[in-house]
Amino acid sequence: MAHFTAKRIFGMSEAKAKALAFEVGMQNSGLGAALVGARPGKRINRAEYRQ
């Protein structure tokens, strides 16, 4: 969904917009893993995590 926004705002091609969305997703997954690793053994409260 983010690649549609990037495509419209920045005038990117479809391929570049998808690549940007993929790269941002990869960085977010790394950040999530680092945050979980920073809190070993701690539970995530429901207020912090919503589905």
PDB file of N, CA and C in Angstrom:
ATOM      1  N   MET A   1       0.816  -1.181   0.000  1.00  0.00           N
ATOM      2  CA  MET A   1       0.000   0.000   0.000  1.00  0.00           C
ATOM      3  C   MET A   1       0.869   1.258   0.000  1.00  0.00           C
ATOM      4  N   ALA A   2       1.987   1.204   0.693  1.00  0.00           N
ATOM      5  CA  ALA A   2       2.870   2.374   0.753  1.00  0.00           C
ATOM      6  C   ALA A   2       3.442   2.702  -0.614  1.00  0.00           C
ATOM      7  N   HIS A   3       3.637   1.681  -1.439  1.00  0.00           N
ATOM      8  CA  HIS A   3       4.233   1.968  -2.747  1.00  0.00           C
ATOM      9  C   HIS A   3       3.282   2.764  -3.637  1.00  0.00           C
ATOM     10  N   PHE A   4       1.969   2.638  -3.433  1.00  0.00           N
ATOM     11  CA  PHE A   4       1.032   3.452  -4.207  1.00  0.00           C
ATOM     12  C   PHE A   4       1.163   4.924  -3.829  1.00  0.00           C
ATOM     13  N   THR A   5       1.337   5.185  -2.527  1.00  0.00           N
ATOM     14  CA  THR A   5       1.519   6.558  -2.060  1.00  0.00           C
ATOM     15  C   THR A   5       2.817   7.137  -2.592  1.00  0.00           C
ATOM     16  N   ALA A   6       3.891   6.384  -2.498  1.00  0.00           N
ATOM     17  CA  ALA A   6       5.185   6.860  -2.995  1.00  0.00           C
ATOM     18  C   ALA A   6       5.126   7.110  -4.495  1.00  0.00           C
ATOM     19  N   LYS A   7       4.436   6.241  -5.192  1.00  0.00           N
ATOM     20  CA  LYS A   7       4.323   6.384  -6.643  1.00  0.00           C
ATOM     21  C   LYS A   7       3.608   7.681  -7.004  1.00  0.00           C
ATOM     22  N   ARG A   8       2.534   7.974  -6.308  1.00  0.00           N
ATOM     23  CA  ARG A   8       1.766   9.182  -6.611  1.00  0.00           C
ATOM     24  C   ARG A   8       2.504  10.444  -6.193  1.00  0.00           C
ATOM     25  N   ILE A   9       3.067  10.455  -4.991  1.00  0.00           N
ATOM     26  CA  ILE A   9       3.705  11.670  -4.476  1.00  0.00           C
ATOM     27  C   ILE A   9       4.994  11.985  -5.212  1.00  0.00           C
ATOM     28  N   PHE A  10       5.842  10.990  -5.403  1.00  0.00           N
ATOM     29  CA  PHE A  10       7.173  11.229  -5.959  1.00  0.00           C
ATOM     30  C   PHE A  10       7.280  10.921  -7.451  1.00  0.00           C
ATOM     31  N   GLY A  11       6.206  10.474  -8.066  1.00  0.00           N
ATOM     32  CA  GLY A  11       6.225  10.184  -9.491  1.00  0.00           C
ATOM     33  C   GLY A  11       7.152   9.039  -9.862  1.00  0.00           C
ATOM     34  N   MET A  12       7.247   8.042  -8.994  1.00  0.00           N
ATOM     35  CA  MET A  12       8.125   6.894  -9.246  1.00  0.00           C
ATOM     36  C   MET A  12       7.471   5.912 -10.203  1.00  0.00           C
ATOM     37  N   SER A  13       8.311   5.120 -10.832  1.00  0.00           N
ATOM     38  CA  SER A  13       7.786   4.017 -11.639  1.00  0.00           C
ATOM     39  C   SER A  13       7.249   2.947 -10.690  1.00  0.00           C
ATOM     40  N   GLU A  14       6.435   2.061 -11.232  1.00  0.00           N
ATOM     41  CA  GLU A  14       5.857   0.981 -10.419  1.00  0.00           C
ATOM     42  C   GLU A  14       6.946   0.118  -9.788  1.00  0.00           C
ATOM     43  N   ALA A  15       7.982  -0.206 -10.560  1.00  0.00           N
ATOM     44  CA  ALA A  15       9.062  -1.061 -10.056  1.00  0.00           C
ATOM     45  C   ALA A  15       9.825  -0.382  -8.919  1.00  0.00           C
ATOM     46  N   LYS A  16      10.133   0.895  -9.062  1.00  0.00           N
ATOM     47  CA  LYS A  16      10.864   1.607  -8.006  1.00  0.00           C
ATOM     48  C   LYS A  16      10.018   1.756  -6.750  1.00  0.00           C
ATOM     49  N   ALA A  17       8.726   2.014  -6.919  1.00  0.00           N
ATOM     50  CA  ALA A  17       7.844   2.160  -5.764  1.00  0.00           C
ATOM     51  C   ALA A  17       7.727   0.837  -4.998  1.00  0.00           C
ATOM     52  N   LYS A  18       7.640  -0.288  -5.717  1.00  0.00           N
ATOM     53  CA  LYS A  18       7.577  -1.598  -5.054  1.00  0.00           C
ATOM     54  C   LYS A  18       8.893  -1.911  -4.351  1.00  0.00           C
ATOM     55  N   ALA A  19      10.012  -1.552  -4.983  1.00  0.00           N
ATOM     56  CA  ALA A  19      11.316  -1.784  -4.361  1.00  0.00           C
ATOM     57  C   ALA A  19      11.457  -0.966  -3.083  1.00  0.00           C
ATOM     58  N   LEU A  20      10.965   0.266  -3.100  1.00  0.00           N
ATOM     59  CA  LEU A  20      11.009   1.119  -1.911  1.00  0.00           C
ATOM     60  C   LEU A  20      10.173   0.511  -0.785  1.00  0.00           C
ATOM     61  N   ALA A  21       8.967   0.054  -1.108  1.00  0.00           N
ATOM     62  CA  ALA A  21       8.104  -0.560  -0.097  1.00  0.00           C
ATOM     63  C   ALA A  21       8.749  -1.817   0.483  1.00  0.00           C
ATOM     64  N   PHE A  22       9.382  -2.614  -0.359  1.00  0.00           N
ATOM     65  CA  PHE A  22      10.061  -3.826   0.096  1.00  0.00           C
ATOM     66  C   PHE A  22      11.216  -3.476   1.026  1.00  0.00           C
ATOM     67  N   GLU A  23      12.014  -2.478   0.672  1.00  0.00           N
ATOM     68  CA  GLU A  23      13.164  -2.075   1.489  1.00  0.00           C
ATOM     69  C   GLU A  23      12.720  -1.551   2.850  1.00  0.00           C
ATOM     70  N   VAL A  24      11.677  -0.747   2.870  1.00  0.00           N
ATOM     71  CA  VAL A  24      11.161  -0.229   4.143  1.00  0.00           C
ATOM     72  C   VAL A  24      10.669  -1.383   5.013  1.00  0.00           C
ATOM     73  N   GLY A  25       9.994  -2.354   4.410  1.00  0.00           N
ATOM     74  CA  GLY A  25       9.540  -3.529   5.157  1.00  0.00           C
ATOM     75  C   GLY A  25      10.692  -4.320   5.743  1.00  0.00           C
ATOM     76  N   MET A  26      11.771  -4.460   4.990  1.00  0.00           N
ATOM     77  CA  MET A  26      12.951  -5.177   5.485  1.00  0.00           C
ATOM     78  C   MET A  26      13.563  -4.441   6.675  1.00  0.00           C
ATOM     79  N   GLN A  27      13.639  -3.128   6.607  1.00  0.00           N
ATOM     80  CA  GLN A  27      14.213  -2.360   7.712  1.00  0.00           C
ATOM     81  C   GLN A  27      13.314  -2.425   8.942  1.00  0.00           C
ATOM     82  N   ASN A  28      11.999  -2.389   8.742  1.00  0.00           N
ATOM     83  CA  ASN A  28      11.073  -2.480   9.868  1.00  0.00           C
ATOM     84  C   ASN A  28      11.162  -3.843  10.549  1.00  0.00           C
ATOM     85  N   SER A  29      11.357  -4.903   9.782  1.00  0.00           N
ATOM     86  CA  SER A  29      11.464  -6.229  10.397  1.00  0.00           C
ATOM     87  C   SER A  29      12.738  -6.329  11.229  1.00  0.00           C
ATOM     88  N   GLY A  30      13.820  -5.721  10.754  1.00  0.00           N
ATOM     89  CA  GLY A  30      15.063  -5.697  11.528  1.00  0.00           C
ATOM     90  C   GLY A  30      14.910  -4.916  12.818  1.00  0.00           C
ATOM     91  N   LEU A  31      14.210  -3.804  12.756  1.00  0.00           N
ATOM     92  CA  LEU A  31      13.964  -3.000  13.952  1.00  0.00           C
ATOM     93  C   LEU A  31      13.116  -3.779  14.952  1.00  0.00           C
ATOM     94  N   GLY A  32      12.095  -4.470  14.459  1.00  0.00           N
ATOM     95  CA  GLY A  32      11.250  -5.272  15.343  1.00  0.00           C
ATOM     96  C   GLY A  32      12.035  -6.370  16.038  1.00  0.00           C
ATOM     97  N   ALA A  33      12.904  -7.034  15.293  1.00  0.00           N
ATOM     98  CA  ALA A  33      13.731  -8.090  15.881  1.00  0.00           C
ATOM     99  C   ALA A  33      14.684  -7.519  16.922  1.00  0.00           C
ATOM    100  N   ALA A  34      15.238  -6.342  16.651  1.00  0.00           N
ATOM    101  CA  ALA A  34      16.148  -5.710  17.613  1.00  0.00           C
ATOM    102  C   ALA A  34      15.412  -5.315  18.886  1.00  0.00           C
ATOM    103  N   LEU A  35      14.193  -4.813  18.752  1.00  0.00           N
ATOM    104  CA  LEU A  35      13.423  -4.426  19.936  1.00  0.00           C
ATOM    105  C   LEU A  35      13.051  -5.638  20.778  1.00  0.00           C
ATOM    106  N   VAL A  36      12.697  -6.725  20.138  1.00  0.00           N
ATOM    107  CA  VAL A  36      12.390  -7.953  20.881  1.00  0.00           C
ATOM    108  C   VAL A  36      13.645  -8.465  21.575  1.00  0.00           C
ATOM    109  N   GLY A  37      14.785  -8.390  20.902  1.00  0.00           N
ATOM    110  CA  GLY A  37      16.046  -8.831  21.497  1.00  0.00           C
ATOM    111  C   GLY A  37      16.489  -7.959  22.653  1.00  0.00           C
ATOM    112  N   ALA A  38      16.061  -6.705  22.651  1.00  0.00           N
ATOM    113  CA  ALA A  38      16.436  -5.787  23.725  1.00  0.00           C
ATOM    114  C   ALA A  38      15.636  -6.052  24.999  1.00  0.00           C
ATOM    115  N   ARG A  39      14.545  -6.805  24.889  1.00  0.00           N
ATOM    116  CA  ARG A  39      13.695  -7.094  26.042  1.00  0.00           C
ATOM    117  C   ARG A  39      13.526  -8.598  26.231  1.00  0.00           C
ATOM    118  N   PRO A  40      14.617  -9.325  26.438  1.00  0.00           N
ATOM    119  CA  PRO A  40      14.472 -10.784  26.559  1.00  0.00           C
ATOM    120  C   PRO A  40      13.647 -11.162  27.789  1.00  0.00           C
ATOM    121  N   GLY A  41      12.748 -12.088  27.599  1.00  0.00           N
ATOM    122  CA  GLY A  41      11.942 -12.586  28.705  1.00  0.00           C
ATOM    123  C   GLY A  41      10.802 -11.680  29.112  1.00  0.00           C
ATOM    124  N   LYS A  42      10.686 -10.532  28.499  1.00  0.00           N
ATOM    125  CA  LYS A  42       9.597  -9.614  28.852  1.00  0.00           C
ATOM    126  C   LYS A  42       8.421  -9.850  27.917  1.00  0.00           C
ATOM    127  N   ARG A  43       7.256  -9.713  28.480  1.00  0.00           N
ATOM    128  CA  ARG A  43       6.028  -9.893  27.727  1.00  0.00           C
ATOM    129  C   ARG A  43       5.582  -8.562  27.137  1.00  0.00           C
ATOM    130  N   ILE A  44       4.956  -8.599  25.981  1.00  0.00           N
ATOM    131  CA  ILE A  44       4.411  -7.378  25.389  1.00  0.00           C
ATOM    132  C   ILE A  44       2.995  -7.202  25.919  1.00  0.00           C
ATOM    133  N   ASN A  45       2.731  -6.069  26.532  1.00  0.00           N
ATOM    134  CA  ASN A  45       1.402  -5.797  27.067  1.00  0.00           C
ATOM    135  C   ASN A  45       0.413  -5.597  25.929  1.00  0.00           C
ATOM    136  N   ARG A  46      -0.846  -5.873  26.196  1.00  0.00           N
ATOM    137  CA  ARG A  46      -1.875  -5.698  25.171  1.00  0.00           C
ATOM    138  C   ARG A  46      -1.982  -4.245  24.735  1.00  0.00           C
ATOM    139  N   ALA A  47      -1.707  -3.313  25.623  1.00  0.00           N
ATOM    140  CA  ALA A  47      -1.769  -1.897  25.257  1.00  0.00           C
ATOM    141  C   ALA A  47      -0.687  -1.546  24.240  1.00  0.00           C
ATOM    142  N   GLU A  48       0.419  -2.281  24.247  1.00  0.00           N
ATOM    143  CA  GLU A  48       1.502  -2.019  23.303  1.00  0.00           C
ATOM    144  C   GLU A  48       1.288  -2.737  21.984  1.00  0.00           C
ATOM    145  N   TYR A  49       0.535  -3.818  21.988  1.00  0.00           N
ATOM    146  CA  TYR A  49       0.359  -4.639  20.787  1.00  0.00           C
ATOM    147  C   TYR A  49      -1.122  -4.859  20.528  1.00  0.00           C
ATOM    148  N   ARG A  50      -1.571  -4.392  19.404  1.00  0.00           N
ATOM    149  CA  ARG A  50      -2.977  -4.592  19.038  1.00  0.00           C
ATOM    150  C   ARG A  50      -3.049  -5.219  17.666  1.00  0.00           C
ATOM    151  N   GLN A  51      -4.009  -6.088  17.484  1.00  0.00           N
ATOM    152  CA  GLN A  51      -4.201  -6.710  16.169  1.00  0.00           C
ATOM    153  C   GLN A  51      -5.317  -6.036  15.441  1.00  0.00           C
TER     154      GLN A  51
END
